[in-house]
PDB file of N, CA and C in Angstrom:
ATOM      1  N   MET A   1      -7.088 -17.253 -15.787  1.00  0.00           N
ATOM      2  CA  MET A   1      -5.900 -16.986 -16.568  1.00  0.00           C
ATOM      3  C   MET A   1      -4.854 -18.045 -16.228  1.00  0.00           C
ATOM      4  N   ASN A   2      -4.110 -18.460 -17.255  1.00  0.00           N
ATOM      5  CA  ASN A   2      -3.137 -19.529 -17.090  1.00  0.00           C
ATOM      6  C   ASN A   2      -1.783 -19.128 -17.661  1.00  0.00           C
ATOM      7  N   ILE A   3      -0.740 -19.818 -17.234  1.00  0.00           N
ATOM      8  CA  ILE A   3       0.585 -19.623 -17.814  1.00  0.00           C
ATOM      9  C   ILE A   3       0.489 -19.925 -19.302  1.00  0.00           C
ATOM     10  N   GLY A   4       1.081 -19.062 -20.105  1.00  0.00           N
ATOM     11  CA  GLY A   4       1.031 -19.226 -21.556  1.00  0.00           C
ATOM     12  C   GLY A   4      -0.061 -18.424 -22.233  1.00  0.00           C
ATOM     13  N   ASP A   5      -1.010 -17.891 -21.467  1.00  0.00           N
ATOM     14  CA  ASP A   5      -2.074 -17.071 -22.049  1.00  0.00           C
ATOM     15  C   ASP A   5      -1.499 -15.765 -22.584  1.00  0.00           C
ATOM     16  N   LYS A   6      -2.061 -15.305 -23.708  1.00  0.00           N
ATOM     17  CA  LYS A   6      -1.682 -14.025 -24.284  1.00  0.00           C
ATOM     18  C   LYS A   6      -2.632 -12.957 -23.748  1.00  0.00           C
ATOM     19  N   VAL A   7      -2.073 -11.835 -23.308  1.00  0.00           N
ATOM     20  CA  VAL A   7      -2.870 -10.726 -22.793  1.00  0.00           C
ATOM     21  C   VAL A   7      -2.443  -9.441 -23.494  1.00  0.00           C
ATOM     22  N   THR A   8      -3.329  -8.452 -23.477  1.00  0.00           N
ATOM     23  CA  THR A   8      -3.006  -7.116 -23.975  1.00  0.00           C
ATOM     24  C   THR A   8      -3.156  -6.150 -22.814  1.00  0.00           C
ATOM     25  N   ILE A   9      -2.125  -5.361 -22.591  1.00  0.00           N
ATOM     26  CA  ILE A   9      -2.131  -4.407 -21.495  1.00  0.00           C
ATOM     27  C   ILE A   9      -2.958  -3.191 -21.910  1.00  0.00           C
ATOM     28  N   ARG A  10      -3.838  -2.777 -21.028  1.00  0.00           N
ATOM     29  CA  ARG A  10      -4.734  -1.650 -21.311  1.00  0.00           C
ATOM     30  C   ARG A  10      -3.951  -0.376 -21.600  1.00  0.00           C
ATOM     31  N   LYS A  11      -4.480   0.439 -22.494  1.00  0.00           N
ATOM     32  CA  LYS A  11      -3.845   1.709 -22.857  1.00  0.00           C
ATOM     33  C   LYS A  11      -4.237   2.840 -21.917  1.00  0.00           C
ATOM     34  N   ASP A  12      -5.301   2.654 -21.148  1.00  0.00           N
ATOM     35  CA  ASP A  12      -5.826   3.739 -20.318  1.00  0.00           C
ATOM     36  C   ASP A  12      -5.374   3.682 -18.851  1.00  0.00           C
ATOM     37  N   LEU A  13      -4.358   2.901 -18.546  1.00  0.00           N
ATOM     38  CA  LEU A  13      -3.886   2.770 -17.158  1.00  0.00           C
ATOM     39  C   LEU A  13      -3.242   4.073 -16.684  1.00  0.00           C
ATOM     40  N   LYS A  14      -3.435   4.379 -15.418  1.00  0.00           N
ATOM     41  CA  LYS A  14      -2.924   5.615 -14.815  1.00  0.00           C
ATOM     42  C   LYS A  14      -1.858   5.281 -13.771  1.00  0.00           C
ATOM     43  N   VAL A  15      -0.748   6.025 -13.821  1.00  0.00           N
ATOM     44  CA  VAL A  15       0.353   5.843 -12.876  1.00  0.00           C
ATOM     45  C   VAL A  15      -0.133   6.124 -11.457  1.00  0.00           C
ATOM     46  N   LYS A  16       0.314   5.313 -10.514  1.00  0.00           N
ATOM     47  CA  LYS A  16       0.008   5.394  -9.079  1.00  0.00           C
ATOM     48  C   LYS A  16      -1.423   5.001  -8.740  1.00  0.00           C
ATOM     49  N   LYS A  17      -2.183   4.518  -9.719  1.00  0.00           N
ATOM     50  CA  LYS A  17      -3.539   4.042  -9.449  1.00  0.00           C
ATOM     51  C   LYS A  17      -3.473   2.536  -9.211  1.00  0.00           C
ATOM     52  N   TRP A  18      -4.298   2.085  -8.276  1.00  0.00           N
ATOM     53  CA  TRP A  18      -4.357   0.652  -7.955  1.00  0.00           C
ATOM     54  C   TRP A  18      -5.362  -0.040  -8.848  1.00  0.00           C
ATOM     55  N   TYR A  19      -4.950  -1.187  -9.366  1.00  0.00           N
ATOM     56  CA  TYR A  19      -5.799  -2.046 -10.179  1.00  0.00           C
ATOM     57  C   TYR A  19      -5.780  -3.407  -9.513  1.00  0.00           C
ATOM     58  N   GLY A  20      -6.840  -3.738  -8.818  1.00  0.00           N
ATOM     59  CA  GLY A  20      -6.851  -4.975  -8.048  1.00  0.00           C
ATOM     60  C   GLY A  20      -5.887  -4.869  -6.883  1.00  0.00           C
ATOM     61  N   ASN A  21      -4.948  -5.802  -6.794  1.00  0.00           N
ATOM     62  CA  ASN A  21      -4.016  -5.869  -5.661  1.00  0.00           C
ATOM     63  C   ASN A  21      -2.704  -5.137  -5.877  1.00  0.00           C
ATOM     64  N   ASP A  22      -2.540  -4.409  -6.966  1.00  0.00           N
ATOM     65  CA  ASP A  22      -1.249  -3.772  -7.241  1.00  0.00           C
ATOM     66  C   ASP A  22      -1.461  -2.446  -7.947  1.00  0.00           C
ATOM     67  N   ASP A  23      -0.441  -1.592  -7.840  1.00  0.00           N
ATOM     68  CA  ASP A  23      -0.524  -0.293  -8.494  1.00  0.00           C
ATOM     69  C   ASP A  23       0.254  -0.302  -9.801  1.00  0.00           C
ATOM     70  N   PHE A  24      -0.091   0.650 -10.662  1.00  0.00           N
ATOM     71  CA  PHE A  24       0.557   0.811 -11.959  1.00  0.00           C
ATOM     72  C   PHE A  24       1.624   1.878 -11.805  1.00  0.00           C
ATOM     73  N   THR A  25       2.871   1.549 -12.163  1.00  0.00           N
ATOM     74  CA  THR A  25       3.996   2.465 -11.957  1.00  0.00           C
ATOM     75  C   THR A  25       4.413   3.142 -13.254  1.00  0.00           C
ATOM     76  N   LYS A  26       5.182   4.216 -13.123  1.00  0.00           N
ATOM     77  CA  LYS A  26       5.639   4.929 -14.317  1.00  0.00           C
ATOM     78  C   LYS A  26       6.548   4.061 -15.179  1.00  0.00           C
ATOM     79  N   GLU A  27       7.262   3.125 -14.566  1.00  0.00           N
ATOM     80  CA  GLU A  27       8.132   2.232 -15.330  1.00  0.00           C
ATOM     81  C   GLU A  27       7.337   1.255 -16.208  1.00  0.00           C
ATOM     82  N   MET A  28       6.099   1.022 -15.845  1.00  0.00           N
ATOM     83  CA  MET A  28       5.250   0.085 -16.592  1.00  0.00           C
ATOM     84  C   MET A  28       4.584   0.748 -17.803  1.00  0.00           C
ATOM     85  N   GLN A  29       4.603   2.078 -17.861  1.00  0.00           N
ATOM     86  CA  GLN A  29       3.888   2.819 -18.908  1.00  0.00           C
ATOM     87  C   GLN A  29       4.271   2.414 -20.323  1.00  0.00           C
ATOM     88  N   LYS A  30       5.552   2.097 -20.531  1.00  0.00           N
ATOM     89  CA  LYS A  30       6.012   1.793 -21.891  1.00  0.00           C
ATOM     90  C   LYS A  30       5.394   0.513 -22.451  1.00  0.00           C
ATOM     91  N   PHE A  31       4.709  -0.258 -21.610  1.00  0.00           N
ATOM     92  CA  PHE A  31       4.104  -1.514 -22.055  1.00  0.00           C
ATOM     93  C   PHE A  31       2.617  -1.375 -22.384  1.00  0.00           C
ATOM     94  N   LYS A  32       2.035  -0.190 -22.174  1.00  0.00           N
ATOM     95  CA  LYS A  32       0.609  -0.006 -22.457  1.00  0.00           C
ATOM     96  C   LYS A  32       0.307  -0.318 -23.919  1.00  0.00           C
ATOM     97  N   GLY A  33      -0.758  -1.096 -24.129  1.00  0.00           N
ATOM     98  CA  GLY A  33      -1.192  -1.449 -25.467  1.00  0.00           C
ATOM     99  C   GLY A  33      -0.455  -2.633 -26.082  1.00  0.00           C
ATOM    100  N   ARG A  34       0.539  -3.143 -25.410  1.00  0.00           N
ATOM    101  CA  ARG A  34       1.328  -4.253 -25.957  1.00  0.00           C
ATOM    102  C   ARG A  34       0.764  -5.611 -25.546  1.00  0.00           C
ATOM    103  N   GLU A  35       1.018  -6.587 -26.392  1.00  0.00           N
ATOM    104  CA  GLU A  35       0.647  -7.964 -26.074  1.00  0.00           C
ATOM    105  C   GLU A  35       1.784  -8.625 -25.321  1.00  0.00           C
ATOM    106  N   ALA A  36       1.438  -9.551 -24.433  1.00  0.00           N
ATOM    107  CA  ALA A  36       2.431 -10.268 -23.638  1.00  0.00           C
ATOM    108  C   ALA A  36       1.922 -11.663 -23.329  1.00  0.00           C
ATOM    109  N   ILE A  37       2.827 -12.493 -22.845  1.00  0.00           N
ATOM    110  CA  ILE A  37       2.495 -13.861 -22.452  1.00  0.00           C
ATOM    111  C   ILE A  37       2.685 -13.994 -20.944  1.00  0.00           C
ATOM    112  N   VAL A  38       1.714 -14.595 -20.263  1.00  0.00           N
ATOM    113  CA  VAL A  38       1.811 -14.846 -18.823  1.00  0.00           C
ATOM    114  C   VAL A  38       2.860 -15.934 -18.595  1.00  0.00           C
ATOM    115  N   THR A  39       3.865 -15.625 -17.745  1.00  0.00           N
ATOM    116  CA  THR A  39       4.937 -16.588 -17.481  1.00  0.00           C
ATOM    117  C   THR A  39       4.857 -17.209 -16.089  1.00  0.00           C
ATOM    118  N   HIS A  40       4.311 -16.484 -15.130  1.00  0.00           N
ATOM    119  CA  HIS A  40       4.150 -16.980 -13.759  1.00  0.00           C
ATOM    120  C   HIS A  40       2.881 -16.390 -13.172  1.00  0.00           C
ATOM    121  N   ILE A  41       2.291 -17.107 -12.230  1.00  0.00           N
ATOM    122  CA  ILE A  41       1.103 -16.630 -11.526  1.00  0.00           C
ATOM    123  C   ILE A  41       1.402 -16.656 -10.035  1.00  0.00           C
ATOM    124  N   THR A  42       1.099 -15.546  -9.343  1.00  0.00           N
ATOM    125  CA  THR A  42       1.277 -15.469  -7.901  1.00  0.00           C
ATOM    126  C   THR A  42      -0.050 -15.083  -7.262  1.00  0.00           C
ATOM    127  N   THR A  43      -0.091 -15.021  -5.951  1.00  0.00           N
ATOM    128  CA  THR A  43      -1.308 -14.605  -5.268  1.00  0.00           C
ATOM    129  C   THR A  43      -1.602 -13.127  -5.532  1.00  0.00           C
ATOM    130  N   ASN A  44      -0.580 -12.333  -5.889  1.00  0.00           N
ATOM    131  CA  ASN A  44      -0.765 -10.908  -6.151  1.00  0.00           C
ATOM    132  C   ASN A  44      -1.054 -10.578  -7.604  1.00  0.00           C
ATOM    133  N   GLY A  45      -0.762 -11.499  -8.512  1.00  0.00           N
ATOM    134  CA  GLY A  45      -0.997 -11.206  -9.920  1.00  0.00           C
ATOM    135  C   GLY A  45      -0.185 -12.087 -10.839  1.00  0.00           C
ATOM    136  N   PHE A  46       0.272 -11.485 -11.932  1.00  0.00           N
ATOM    137  CA  PHE A  46       0.911 -12.227 -13.010  1.00  0.00           C
ATOM    138  C   PHE A  46       2.238 -11.586 -13.396  1.00  0.00           C
ATOM    139  N   TYR A  47       3.166 -12.426 -13.815  1.00  0.00           N
ATOM    140  CA  TYR A  47       4.408 -11.945 -14.401  1.00  0.00           C
ATOM    141  C   TYR A  47       4.332 -12.195 -15.897  1.00  0.00           C
ATOM    142  N   LEU A  48       4.906 -11.256 -16.679  1.00  0.00           N
ATOM    143  CA  LEU A  48       4.813 -11.314 -18.129  1.00  0.00           C
ATOM    144  C   LEU A  48       6.188 -11.411 -18.774  1.00  0.00           C
ATOM    145  N   ASP A  49       6.198 -11.884 -20.009  1.00  0.00           N
ATOM    146  CA  ASP A  49       7.458 -12.077 -20.721  1.00  0.00           C
ATOM    147  C   ASP A  49       8.063 -10.782 -21.260  1.00  0.00           C
ATOM    148  N   ILE A  50       7.315  -9.703 -21.381  1.00  0.00           N
ATOM    149  CA  ILE A  50       7.831  -8.512 -22.056  1.00  0.00           C
ATOM    150  C   ILE A  50       8.655  -7.580 -21.169  1.00  0.00           C
ATOM    151  N   ASP A  51       8.619  -7.770 -19.859  1.00  0.00           N
ATOM    152  CA  ASP A  51       9.311  -6.838 -18.962  1.00  0.00           C
ATOM    153  C   ASP A  51      10.380  -7.527 -18.106  1.00  0.00           C
ATOM    154  N   ASN A  52      10.911  -8.643 -18.593  1.00  0.00           N
ATOM    155  CA  ASN A  52      11.888  -9.437 -17.832  1.00  0.00           C
ATOM    156  C   ASN A  52      11.340  -9.856 -16.479  1.00  0.00           C
ATOM    157  N   GLN A  53      10.022  -9.951 -16.380  1.00  0.00           N
ATOM    158  CA  GLN A  53       9.326 -10.364 -15.163  1.00  0.00           C
ATOM    159  C   GLN A  53       9.671  -9.470 -13.973  1.00  0.00           C
ATOM    160  N   ASN A  54       9.815  -8.171 -14.239  1.00  0.00           N
ATOM    161  CA  ASN A  54      10.149  -7.205 -13.191  1.00  0.00           C
ATOM    162  C   ASN A  54       8.947  -6.732 -12.384  1.00  0.00           C
ATOM    163  N   TRP A  55       7.769  -6.723 -12.984  1.00  0.00           N
ATOM    164  CA  TRP A  55       6.592  -6.170 -12.321  1.00  0.00           C
ATOM    165  C   TRP A  55       5.475  -7.194 -12.235  1.00  0.00           C
ATOM    166  N   THR A  56       4.663  -7.019 -11.220  1.00  0.00           N
ATOM    167  CA  THR A  56       3.458  -7.833 -11.088  1.00  0.00           C
ATOM    168  C   THR A  56       2.319  -7.086 -11.763  1.00  0.00           C
ATOM    169  N   TRP A  57       1.606  -7.782 -12.615  1.00  0.00           N
ATOM    170  CA  TRP A  57       0.461  -7.237 -13.318  1.00  0.00           C
ATOM    171  C   TRP A  57      -0.792  -7.918 -12.783  1.00  0.00           C
ATOM    172  N   THR A  58      -1.907  -7.215 -12.790  1.00  0.00           N
ATOM    173  CA  THR A  58      -3.159  -7.801 -12.329  1.00  0.00           C
ATOM    174  C   THR A  58      -4.125  -7.924 -13.515  1.00  0.00           C
ATOM    175  N   LYS A  59      -5.134  -8.769 -13.347  1.00  0.00           N
ATOM    176  CA  LYS A  59      -6.084  -8.978 -14.445  1.00  0.00           C
ATOM    177  C   LYS A  59      -6.806  -7.679 -14.810  1.00  0.00           C
ATOM    178  N   GLU A  60      -6.934  -6.760 -13.854  1.00  0.00           N
ATOM    179  CA  GLU A  60      -7.588  -5.481 -14.117  1.00  0.00           C
ATOM    180  C   GLU A  60      -6.763  -4.583 -15.051  1.00  0.00           C
ATOM    181  N   MET A  61      -5.490  -4.904 -15.208  1.00  0.00           N
ATOM    182  CA  MET A  61      -4.606  -4.119 -16.090  1.00  0.00           C
ATOM    183  C   MET A  61      -4.652  -4.607 -17.538  1.00  0.00           C
ATOM    184  N   PHE A  62      -5.389  -5.690 -17.787  1.00  0.00           N
ATOM    185  CA  PHE A  62      -5.453  -6.260 -19.131  1.00  0.00           C
ATOM    186  C   PHE A  62      -6.791  -5.942 -19.796  1.00  0.00           C
ATOM    187  N   GLU A  63      -6.749  -5.837 -21.130  1.00  0.00           N
ATOM    188  CA  GLU A  63      -8.002  -5.704 -21.875  1.00  0.00           C
ATOM    189  C   GLU A  63      -8.784  -6.999 -21.749  1.00  0.00           C
ATOM    190  N   LYS A  64     -10.082  -6.889 -21.855  1.00  0.00           N
ATOM    191  CA  LYS A  64     -10.930  -8.092 -21.734  1.00  0.00           C
ATOM    192  C   LYS A  64     -10.935  -8.897 -22.990  1.00  0.00           C
TER     193      LYS A  64
END
């Protein structure tokens, strides 16, 4: 995955469940099923353009 890639956040994510190196929080729920653009890459995951880069997302949280 690279900066600028378009991803779709999975609709079946569960709050407080870990996906790869990070957990899915209740604040992230409103983004399920939405498309986003990767803006930054860290060792823990990815930052996206749709959430003001507030949360780290992992590849396991995206549709294939």
